[in-house]
């Protein structure tokens, strides 16, 4: 039996697409990174204007914030997909 890839599972409505679409943008990015999927600069969160690689940088702690904890600057962080 052949293994179904994570990317295929979250894009197929008969598998996990419906559930995956309910997750927040940051949750989707974390899951994609955990499963070694490619993150893109082209996939942008319309609420913040940040892309998947921006969220990766934030999770890695590579950002500046103001005194209230809001992100003010994101420092590019390399991401190498690996499962």
N, C-alpha and C. Protein backbone atom coordinates (compact mmCIF):
# COMPACT_ATOMS: atom_id res chain seq x y z
N UNK A 1 0.84 -1.17 0.00
CA UNK A 1 0.00 0.00 0.00
C UNK A 1 0.89 1.24 0.00
N UNK A 2 0.56 2.20 -0.86
CA UNK A 2 1.35 3.42 -0.97
C UNK A 2 0.89 4.46 0.05
N UNK A 3 1.85 5.14 0.62
CA UNK A 3 1.56 6.17 1.62
C UNK A 3 1.05 7.43 0.94
N UNK A 4 0.03 8.06 1.50
CA UNK A 4 -0.51 9.30 0.98
C UNK A 4 0.28 10.45 1.60
N UNK A 5 0.74 11.37 0.77
CA UNK A 5 1.52 12.50 1.28
C UNK A 5 0.62 13.45 2.05
N UNK A 6 1.23 14.21 2.95
CA UNK A 6 0.49 15.19 3.74
C UNK A 6 -0.17 16.21 2.82
N UNK A 7 0.59 16.71 1.83
CA UNK A 7 0.04 17.72 0.92
C UNK A 7 -1.16 17.19 0.17
N UNK A 8 -1.12 15.93 -0.24
CA UNK A 8 -2.27 15.34 -0.92
C UNK A 8 -3.44 15.19 0.04
N UNK A 9 -3.17 14.79 1.26
CA UNK A 9 -4.24 14.58 2.24
C UNK A 9 -4.98 15.87 2.56
N UNK A 10 -4.26 17.00 2.64
CA UNK A 10 -4.92 18.26 3.01
C UNK A 10 -5.52 19.00 1.82
N UNK A 11 -5.35 18.46 0.62
CA UNK A 11 -5.98 19.07 -0.55
C UNK A 11 -7.10 18.21 -1.12
N UNK A 12 -7.29 17.03 -0.56
CA UNK A 12 -8.34 16.11 -1.02
C UNK A 12 -9.54 16.19 -0.07
N UNK A 13 -10.70 16.58 -0.63
CA UNK A 13 -11.90 16.73 0.20
C UNK A 13 -12.35 15.42 0.84
N UNK A 14 -11.96 14.30 0.28
CA UNK A 14 -12.31 13.00 0.86
C UNK A 14 -11.39 12.61 2.01
N UNK A 15 -10.33 13.38 2.20
CA UNK A 15 -9.40 13.08 3.28
C UNK A 15 -9.44 14.19 4.34
N UNK A 16 -8.49 15.10 4.35
CA UNK A 16 -8.39 16.09 5.43
C UNK A 16 -8.65 17.54 5.03
N UNK A 17 -8.97 17.80 3.77
CA UNK A 17 -9.10 19.18 3.30
C UNK A 17 -10.12 19.98 4.11
N UNK A 18 -11.28 19.43 4.38
CA UNK A 18 -12.33 20.16 5.10
C UNK A 18 -11.85 20.55 6.49
N UNK A 19 -11.20 19.64 7.18
CA UNK A 19 -10.68 19.93 8.51
C UNK A 19 -9.52 20.91 8.43
N UNK A 20 -8.59 20.70 7.51
CA UNK A 20 -7.41 21.57 7.36
C UNK A 20 -7.83 23.00 7.07
N UNK A 21 -8.86 23.19 6.26
CA UNK A 21 -9.33 24.53 5.91
C UNK A 21 -9.89 25.29 7.10
N UNK A 22 -10.23 24.60 8.17
CA UNK A 22 -10.76 25.25 9.37
C UNK A 22 -9.65 25.77 10.29
N UNK A 23 -8.43 25.34 10.07
CA UNK A 23 -7.32 25.79 10.90
C UNK A 23 -6.95 27.23 10.56
N UNK A 24 -6.34 27.92 11.51
CA UNK A 24 -5.86 29.27 11.25
C UNK A 24 -4.64 29.21 10.33
N UNK A 25 -4.31 30.34 9.74
CA UNK A 25 -3.15 30.39 8.85
C UNK A 25 -1.88 29.95 9.56
N UNK A 26 -1.60 30.47 10.78
CA UNK A 26 -0.38 30.01 11.48
C UNK A 26 -0.39 28.51 11.78
N UNK A 27 -1.55 27.96 12.13
CA UNK A 27 -1.63 26.51 12.39
C UNK A 27 -1.30 25.71 11.15
N UNK A 28 -1.78 26.16 10.00
CA UNK A 28 -1.49 25.48 8.74
C UNK A 28 0.01 25.50 8.45
N UNK A 29 0.64 26.65 8.69
CA UNK A 29 2.09 26.78 8.44
C UNK A 29 2.87 25.81 9.32
N UNK A 30 2.52 25.74 10.59
CA UNK A 30 3.22 24.84 11.52
C UNK A 30 3.07 23.39 11.07
N UNK A 31 1.87 22.99 10.73
CA UNK A 31 1.65 21.60 10.28
C UNK A 31 2.43 21.32 9.00
N UNK A 32 2.42 22.26 8.06
CA UNK A 32 3.18 22.05 6.83
C UNK A 32 4.67 21.89 7.13
N UNK A 33 5.19 22.71 8.04
CA UNK A 33 6.61 22.61 8.40
C UNK A 33 6.91 21.28 9.09
N UNK A 34 6.03 20.86 10.00
CA UNK A 34 6.25 19.59 10.71
C UNK A 34 6.29 18.40 9.76
N UNK A 35 5.51 18.48 8.68
CA UNK A 35 5.47 17.38 7.72
C UNK A 35 6.43 17.57 6.55
N UNK A 36 7.28 18.60 6.62
CA UNK A 36 8.31 18.78 5.61
C UNK A 36 7.82 19.32 4.29
N UNK A 37 6.68 19.99 4.29
CA UNK A 37 6.15 20.57 3.06
C UNK A 37 6.87 21.90 2.76
N UNK A 38 6.81 22.30 1.53
CA UNK A 38 7.40 23.56 1.12
C UNK A 38 6.57 24.72 1.66
N UNK A 39 7.23 25.74 2.17
CA UNK A 39 6.56 26.98 2.56
C UNK A 39 6.82 28.02 1.49
N UNK A 40 5.86 28.90 1.29
CA UNK A 40 5.94 29.82 0.16
C UNK A 40 5.84 31.29 0.57
N UNK A 41 6.52 32.13 -0.19
CA UNK A 41 6.35 33.57 -0.02
C UNK A 41 5.08 34.04 -0.71
N UNK A 42 4.54 33.20 -1.60
CA UNK A 42 3.36 33.59 -2.38
C UNK A 42 2.05 33.34 -1.65
N UNK A 43 2.06 32.48 -0.64
CA UNK A 43 0.85 32.20 0.12
C UNK A 43 0.81 33.20 1.27
N UNK A 44 -0.13 34.15 1.17
CA UNK A 44 -0.16 35.28 2.11
C UNK A 44 -1.44 35.29 2.93
N UNK A 45 -1.28 35.56 4.22
CA UNK A 45 -2.42 35.71 5.11
C UNK A 45 -3.05 37.08 4.84
N UNK A 46 -4.29 37.13 4.36
CA UNK A 46 -4.90 38.43 4.03
C UNK A 46 -5.10 39.33 5.26
N UNK A 47 -5.16 38.74 6.45
CA UNK A 47 -5.38 39.54 7.67
C UNK A 47 -4.13 40.30 8.11
N UNK A 48 -2.95 39.73 7.84
CA UNK A 48 -1.71 40.35 8.33
C UNK A 48 -0.78 40.80 7.21
N UNK A 49 -0.92 40.19 6.03
CA UNK A 49 0.00 40.47 4.93
C UNK A 49 1.28 39.66 5.02
N UNK A 50 1.36 38.77 6.00
CA UNK A 50 2.55 37.95 6.17
C UNK A 50 2.40 36.66 5.38
N UNK A 51 3.52 36.16 4.87
CA UNK A 51 3.49 34.90 4.12
C UNK A 51 3.92 33.74 5.02
N UNK A 52 3.92 32.55 4.45
CA UNK A 52 4.26 31.36 5.23
C UNK A 52 5.67 31.43 5.81
N UNK A 53 6.62 31.97 5.05
CA UNK A 53 7.99 32.06 5.55
C UNK A 53 8.12 33.10 6.67
N UNK A 54 7.27 34.12 6.65
CA UNK A 54 7.25 35.08 7.76
C UNK A 54 6.82 34.38 9.04
N UNK A 55 5.78 33.56 8.97
CA UNK A 55 5.33 32.83 10.15
C UNK A 55 6.41 31.86 10.64
N UNK A 56 7.13 31.26 9.72
CA UNK A 56 8.23 30.37 10.10
C UNK A 56 9.27 31.15 10.90
N UNK A 57 9.62 32.35 10.43
CA UNK A 57 10.59 33.18 11.13
C UNK A 57 10.10 33.55 12.53
N UNK A 58 8.82 33.87 12.64
CA UNK A 58 8.25 34.22 13.95
C UNK A 58 8.32 33.04 14.90
N UNK A 59 7.96 31.86 14.43
CA UNK A 59 8.01 30.66 15.28
C UNK A 59 9.44 30.37 15.74
N UNK A 60 10.40 30.71 14.90
CA UNK A 60 11.81 30.50 15.25
C UNK A 60 12.35 31.62 16.13
N UNK A 61 11.54 32.64 16.40
CA UNK A 61 11.95 33.73 17.28
C UNK A 61 12.74 34.83 16.58
N UNK A 62 12.71 34.87 15.28
CA UNK A 62 13.48 35.85 14.52
C UNK A 62 12.62 37.04 14.12
N UNK A 63 12.25 37.82 15.12
CA UNK A 63 11.44 39.01 14.87
C UNK A 63 11.67 40.02 15.99
N UNK A 64 11.33 41.27 15.71
CA UNK A 64 11.34 42.32 16.72
C UNK A 64 9.90 42.60 17.10
N UNK A 65 9.71 43.08 18.33
CA UNK A 65 8.35 43.41 18.77
C UNK A 65 8.37 44.68 19.61
N UNK A 66 7.19 45.28 19.74
CA UNK A 66 7.09 46.48 20.56
C UNK A 66 6.87 46.09 22.02
N UNK A 67 6.67 47.10 22.88
CA UNK A 67 6.54 46.84 24.31
C UNK A 67 5.28 46.04 24.66
N UNK A 68 4.32 45.98 23.74
CA UNK A 68 3.11 45.19 23.98
C UNK A 68 3.21 43.77 23.39
N UNK A 69 4.31 43.48 22.72
CA UNK A 69 4.52 42.15 22.16
C UNK A 69 4.09 42.00 20.72
N UNK A 70 3.64 43.08 20.09
CA UNK A 70 3.24 43.00 18.68
C UNK A 70 4.46 42.98 17.78
N UNK A 71 4.43 42.15 16.78
CA UNK A 71 5.55 42.03 15.84
C UNK A 71 5.70 43.34 15.07
N UNK A 72 6.92 43.87 15.05
CA UNK A 72 7.20 45.11 14.32
C UNK A 72 8.10 44.87 13.11
N UNK A 73 8.91 43.82 13.19
CA UNK A 73 9.80 43.49 12.07
C UNK A 73 10.11 42.00 12.10
N UNK A 74 10.10 41.41 10.92
CA UNK A 74 10.40 39.99 10.79
C UNK A 74 11.74 39.85 10.08
N UNK A 75 12.62 39.03 10.64
CA UNK A 75 13.93 38.79 10.05
C UNK A 75 13.87 37.49 9.24
N UNK A 76 14.20 37.54 7.95
CA UNK A 76 14.15 36.34 7.11
C UNK A 76 14.93 35.18 7.76
N UNK A 77 14.32 34.00 7.71
CA UNK A 77 14.90 32.82 8.32
C UNK A 77 14.88 31.67 7.32
N UNK A 78 16.01 31.04 7.10
CA UNK A 78 16.03 29.92 6.14
C UNK A 78 15.10 28.79 6.60
N UNK A 79 14.43 28.20 5.65
CA UNK A 79 13.59 27.04 5.90
C UNK A 79 13.97 25.96 4.91
N UNK A 80 14.37 24.82 5.41
CA UNK A 80 14.71 23.68 4.55
C UNK A 80 13.70 22.57 4.87
N UNK A 81 12.81 22.30 3.90
CA UNK A 81 11.81 21.26 4.16
C UNK A 81 12.44 19.89 4.41
N UNK A 82 12.04 19.28 5.51
CA UNK A 82 12.45 17.90 5.79
C UNK A 82 11.48 17.30 6.78
N UNK A 83 11.10 16.09 6.51
CA UNK A 83 10.12 15.40 7.34
C UNK A 83 10.78 14.75 8.52
